[in-house]
Amino acid sequence: MNISNYIESGIIERYLLGLASPEQEDELLYLRRIYPLLDLEFTAAELRIENKLMEEGPLPPVKIKEAVLQRVKLEKEPKDRYRSGYNPYEHTNSHHHTYIPIDSFWNRRITVSIWWRCAFIALAVTAMALAASTWHFYHRSQMLEEILFELKVPSVNHPASVPAK
């Protein structure tokens, strides 16, 4: 097999762009193990495609670049301040405001699905409803026990309820 003709056929570029058939992909991967020259050409083709895309690709909006740079600056500032012995009271300027991030040092965040939040709210509402109904039925049963007690125990003030001797 003439490896230079194989390279010039464009199979590597088709593979990298996802245009090669499964048989061509298998053949290329097999030949890469046998011929080290294919690995070098594979890396070179990747770089050629990447450079071509970078040259011809659209530039991102300037607003995005400014936002990213501002965020990097904000993330970098607190670390530099703490390590270099930054004293916020040394530089007092009425026009300059110092913002201290409230995020934790490791920037840990917990994300919860909206469905879990809804489930938790439903569970909390159900628990409150059960607590309220328990309180209501407890007081209702206490009231009924008092009524039953009054019916069973004869009253001292009521002469008709006193048993005859």
Protein backbone atom coordinates (compact mmCIF):
# COMPACT_ATOMS: atom_id res chain seq x y z
CA MET A 1 0.00 0.00 0.00
CA ASN A 2 1.30 3.42 -0.95
CA ILE A 3 0.76 5.49 2.18
CA SER A 4 1.36 8.86 0.48
CA ASN A 5 -1.46 8.18 -2.00
CA TYR A 6 -3.68 7.16 0.91
CA ILE A 7 -2.91 10.43 2.70
CA GLU A 8 -3.50 12.50 -0.45
CA SER A 9 -6.90 10.83 -0.97
CA GLY A 10 -8.31 13.05 1.78
CA ILE A 11 -9.52 10.22 4.00
CA ILE A 12 -8.02 11.84 7.11
CA GLU A 13 -9.84 15.11 6.49
CA ARG A 14 -13.11 13.27 5.80
CA TYR A 15 -12.66 11.35 9.06
CA LEU A 16 -11.98 14.52 11.06
CA LEU A 17 -15.01 16.26 9.56
CA GLY A 18 -17.23 13.23 10.23
CA LEU A 19 -17.84 12.49 6.55
CA ALA A 20 -16.11 9.09 6.36
CA SER A 21 -18.09 5.85 6.19
CA PRO A 22 -17.78 3.38 9.06
CA GLU A 23 -15.62 1.09 6.90
CA GLN A 24 -13.26 3.97 6.08
CA GLU A 25 -13.05 4.90 9.76
CA ASP A 26 -12.17 1.34 10.75
CA GLU A 27 -9.56 1.14 8.00
CA LEU A 28 -7.98 4.45 9.05
CA LEU A 29 -7.81 3.47 12.70
CA TYR A 30 -6.24 0.12 11.77
CA LEU A 31 -3.65 1.74 9.50
CA ARG A 32 -2.78 4.35 12.14
CA ARG A 33 -1.59 1.54 14.39
CA ILE A 34 0.61 0.14 11.64
CA TYR A 35 2.03 3.33 10.06
CA PRO A 36 3.34 6.04 12.45
CA LEU A 37 3.41 8.48 9.52
CA LEU A 38 -0.40 8.48 9.57
CA ASP A 39 -0.37 9.69 13.18
CA LEU A 40 1.83 12.62 12.20
CA GLU A 41 -0.40 13.43 9.24
CA PHE A 42 -3.47 13.06 11.42
CA THR A 43 -2.14 15.69 13.85
CA ALA A 44 -1.12 17.97 10.98
CA ALA A 45 -4.58 17.67 9.40
CA GLU A 46 -6.20 18.54 12.72
CA LEU A 47 -4.08 21.67 12.94
CA ARG A 48 -4.80 22.63 9.31
CA ILE A 49 -8.56 22.29 9.85
CA GLU A 50 -8.40 24.19 13.13
CA ASN A 51 -6.39 27.04 11.59
CA LYS A 52 -8.74 27.23 8.61
CA LEU A 53 -11.76 27.43 10.91
CA MET A 54 -10.10 30.09 13.04
CA GLU A 55 -9.26 32.19 9.96
CA GLU A 56 -12.66 31.94 8.31
CA GLY A 57 -14.86 31.67 11.37
CA PRO A 58 -16.94 34.60 12.59
CA LEU A 59 -15.57 36.64 15.45
CA PRO A 60 -17.57 36.69 18.66
CA PRO A 61 -19.28 39.94 19.65
CA VAL A 62 -17.13 42.43 21.56
CA LYS A 63 -19.63 42.43 24.44
CA ILE A 64 -18.89 38.78 25.12
CA LYS A 65 -15.15 39.41 25.24
CA GLU A 66 -15.63 42.30 27.66
CA ALA A 67 -17.94 40.23 29.88
CA VAL A 68 -15.49 37.33 29.99
CA LEU A 69 -12.53 39.57 30.78
CA GLN A 70 -14.51 41.35 33.51
CA ARG A 71 -15.51 38.03 35.06
CA VAL A 72 -11.92 36.76 34.95
CA LYS A 73 -10.78 39.99 36.59
CA LEU A 74 -13.39 39.67 39.36
CA GLU A 75 -12.50 36.03 39.98
CA LYS A 76 -8.80 36.81 40.09
CA GLU A 77 -8.96 39.91 42.34
CA PRO A 78 -10.00 38.33 45.67
CA LYS A 79 -7.29 35.66 45.44
CA ASP A 80 -4.61 38.30 44.79
CA ARG A 81 -5.89 40.46 47.62
CA TYR A 82 -5.80 37.68 50.18
CA ARG A 83 -2.39 36.36 49.17
CA SER A 84 -0.60 39.67 48.79
CA GLY A 85 -1.74 41.11 52.12
CA TYR A 86 -4.23 43.52 50.57
CA ASN A 87 -5.60 46.05 53.06
CA PRO A 88 -8.87 47.63 51.90
CA TYR A 89 -8.45 50.53 54.33
CA GLU A 90 -5.19 51.76 52.77
CA HIS A 91 -6.76 52.86 49.48
CA THR A 92 -9.74 55.02 50.33
CA ASN A 93 -11.18 56.69 47.28
CA SER A 94 -14.72 58.06 47.28
CA HIS A 95 -15.19 57.17 43.60
CA HIS A 96 -13.76 53.66 43.82
CA HIS A 97 -16.00 50.97 45.27
CA THR A 98 -14.69 47.65 46.49
CA TYR A 99 -16.96 44.67 45.99
CA ILE A 100 -16.35 41.57 48.05
CA PRO A 101 -17.82 38.39 46.60
CA ILE A 102 -20.09 36.56 48.99
CA ASP A 103 -19.58 33.20 47.28
CA SER A 104 -17.67 30.59 49.20
CA PHE A 105 -13.93 30.25 48.66
CA TRP A 106 -14.30 27.13 46.52
CA ASN A 107 -17.28 28.52 44.56
CA ARG A 108 -19.37 25.46 45.34
CA ARG A 109 -22.94 25.62 44.15
CA ILE A 110 -25.79 23.22 44.42
CA THR A 111 -28.18 23.04 41.53
CA VAL A 112 -31.56 21.45 41.99
CA SER A 113 -34.03 20.56 39.29
CA ILE A 114 -37.27 22.55 39.20
CA TRP A 115 -39.20 19.30 39.66
CA TRP A 116 -37.42 18.59 42.94
CA ARG A 117 -38.22 22.11 44.12
CA CYS A 118 -41.90 21.62 43.25
CA ALA A 119 -41.90 18.27 45.03
CA PHE A 120 -40.37 19.83 48.14
CA ILE A 121 -42.93 22.64 48.17
CA ALA A 122 -45.77 20.13 47.76
CA LEU A 123 -44.34 18.06 50.61
CA ALA A 124 -44.10 21.14 52.85
CA VAL A 125 -47.70 22.16 52.09
CA THR A 126 -48.90 18.62 52.78
CA ALA A 127 -47.02 18.52 56.09
CA MET A 128 -48.56 21.84 57.16
CA ALA A 129 -52.04 20.65 56.18
CA LEU A 130 -51.56 17.43 58.18
CA ALA A 131 -50.33 19.40 61.20
CA ALA A 132 -53.33 21.75 61.04
CA SER A 133 -55.83 18.87 60.67
CA THR A 134 -54.16 17.01 63.56
CA TRP A 135 -54.47 20.08 65.79
CA HIS A 136 -58.11 20.57 64.76
CA PHE A 137 -59.14 16.95 65.39
CA TYR A 138 -57.26 16.82 68.68
CA HIS A 139 -59.17 19.84 70.05
CA ARG A 140 -62.40 18.46 68.64
CA SER A 141 -61.84 15.13 70.42
CA GLN A 142 -61.04 16.96 73.67
CA MET A 143 -64.32 18.85 73.40
CA LEU A 144 -66.26 15.64 72.73
CA GLU A 145 -64.60 13.92 75.71
CA GLU A 146 -65.71 16.78 77.96
CA ILE A 147 -69.29 16.47 76.67
CA LEU A 148 -69.28 12.69 77.25
CA PHE A 149 -67.84 13.17 80.72
CA GLU A 150 -70.61 15.63 81.58
CA LEU A 151 -73.26 13.19 80.32
CA LYS A 152 -71.90 10.23 82.30
CA VAL A 153 -71.16 11.96 85.62
CA PRO A 154 -74.28 13.28 87.40
CA SER A 155 -74.23 16.93 88.16
CA VAL A 156 -74.34 18.09 91.79
CA ASN A 157 -76.50 21.09 91.00
CA HIS A 158 -79.09 19.13 89.04
CA PRO A 159 -81.48 17.32 91.48
CA ALA A 160 -83.06 15.05 88.85
CA SER A 161 -79.72 13.46 88.11
CA VAL A 162 -79.12 12.34 91.73
CA PRO A 163 -79.93 8.62 92.10
CA ALA A 164 -82.74 7.70 94.48
CA LYS A 165 -82.01 5.78 97.68
